[in-house]
Amino acid sequence: MKVKYEFSGIGAAGAMLAMAIVWLAVAAAIIAPMIVHIVVCVKANWAAMLIVGLVFPPVGWVHGVGIIFGLWG
């Protein structure tokens, strides 16, 4: 006996919605710390850190995450 699987209906729509939410969450987790890094560096007039964080994105991302979680100012 051969089983035929069909991907349609509410199950497929739910899976697509779940994947969209996951992608949006990942995008927000990547972009938000960089925005925080840029805003804080511009407000503090900290040009060297701004440039380093933009040339080496992991530095800016870690700096932004640290500010979000209150590890440093």
Protein backbone atom coordinates (compact mmCIF):
# COMPACT_ATOMS: atom_id res chain seq x y z
CA MET A 1 0.00 0.00 0.00
CA LYS A 2 1.38 3.39 -1.03
CA VAL A 3 0.80 6.40 1.21
CA LYS A 4 0.37 9.76 -0.44
CA TYR A 5 1.30 12.85 1.53
CA GLU A 6 -0.26 16.17 0.69
CA PHE A 7 0.95 19.47 2.04
CA SER A 8 -2.00 21.75 1.90
CA GLY A 9 -4.55 23.34 4.14
CA ILE A 10 -4.18 24.75 7.60
CA GLY A 11 -1.12 22.64 8.50
CA ALA A 12 0.96 24.03 5.67
CA ALA A 13 -0.17 27.58 6.44
CA GLY A 14 0.77 27.14 10.09
CA ALA A 15 4.20 25.85 9.17
CA MET A 16 4.76 28.77 6.81
CA LEU A 17 3.70 31.22 9.51
CA ALA A 18 6.02 29.58 12.04
CA MET A 19 8.97 29.81 9.64
CA ALA A 20 8.19 33.45 8.89
CA ILE A 21 8.17 34.23 12.62
CA VAL A 22 11.47 32.42 13.12
CA TRP A 23 13.10 34.32 10.23
CA LEU A 24 11.84 37.65 11.57
CA ALA A 25 13.15 36.83 15.05
CA VAL A 26 16.57 35.90 13.65
CA ALA A 27 16.67 39.08 11.56
CA ALA A 28 15.75 41.19 14.59
CA ALA A 29 18.41 39.47 16.71
CA ILE A 30 21.02 40.29 14.09
CA ILE A 31 19.99 43.85 13.17
CA ALA A 32 18.85 45.31 16.51
CA PRO A 33 22.25 45.14 18.31
CA MET A 34 23.95 46.85 15.37
CA ILE A 35 21.42 49.68 15.46
CA VAL A 36 21.93 50.04 19.23
CA HIS A 37 25.71 50.09 18.68
CA ILE A 38 25.42 52.85 16.07
CA VAL A 39 23.03 54.99 18.13
CA VAL A 40 25.09 54.73 21.34
CA CYS A 41 28.37 55.49 19.57
CA VAL A 42 26.90 58.52 17.78
CA LYS A 43 25.30 59.87 20.99
CA ALA A 44 28.54 59.40 22.95
CA ASN A 45 30.60 60.89 20.09
CA TRP A 46 32.72 57.73 20.14
CA ALA A 47 33.97 57.71 16.54
CA ALA A 48 36.70 55.10 16.97
CA MET A 49 34.32 52.49 18.38
CA LEU A 50 31.74 53.32 15.72
CA ILE A 51 34.25 52.75 12.93
CA VAL A 52 35.63 49.56 14.48
CA GLY A 53 32.12 48.19 14.96
CA LEU A 54 31.16 48.95 11.37
CA VAL A 55 34.37 47.61 9.82
CA PHE A 56 34.27 44.45 12.00
CA PRO A 57 30.55 43.70 12.46
CA PRO A 58 31.01 41.10 15.23
CA VAL A 59 32.55 43.81 17.42
CA GLY A 60 29.57 46.09 16.85
CA TRP A 61 27.13 43.25 17.42
CA VAL A 62 28.75 42.20 20.71
CA HIS A 63 28.86 45.85 21.81
CA GLY A 64 25.15 46.24 20.99
CA VAL A 65 24.18 43.03 22.78
CA GLY A 66 26.19 44.10 25.82
CA ILE A 67 24.39 47.43 25.93
CA ILE A 68 20.97 45.77 25.52
CA PHE A 69 21.66 43.39 28.42
CA GLY A 70 23.26 46.11 30.54
CA LEU A 71 26.77 44.63 30.62
CA TRP A 72 28.36 47.95 29.73
CA GLY A 73 27.26 51.46 28.85
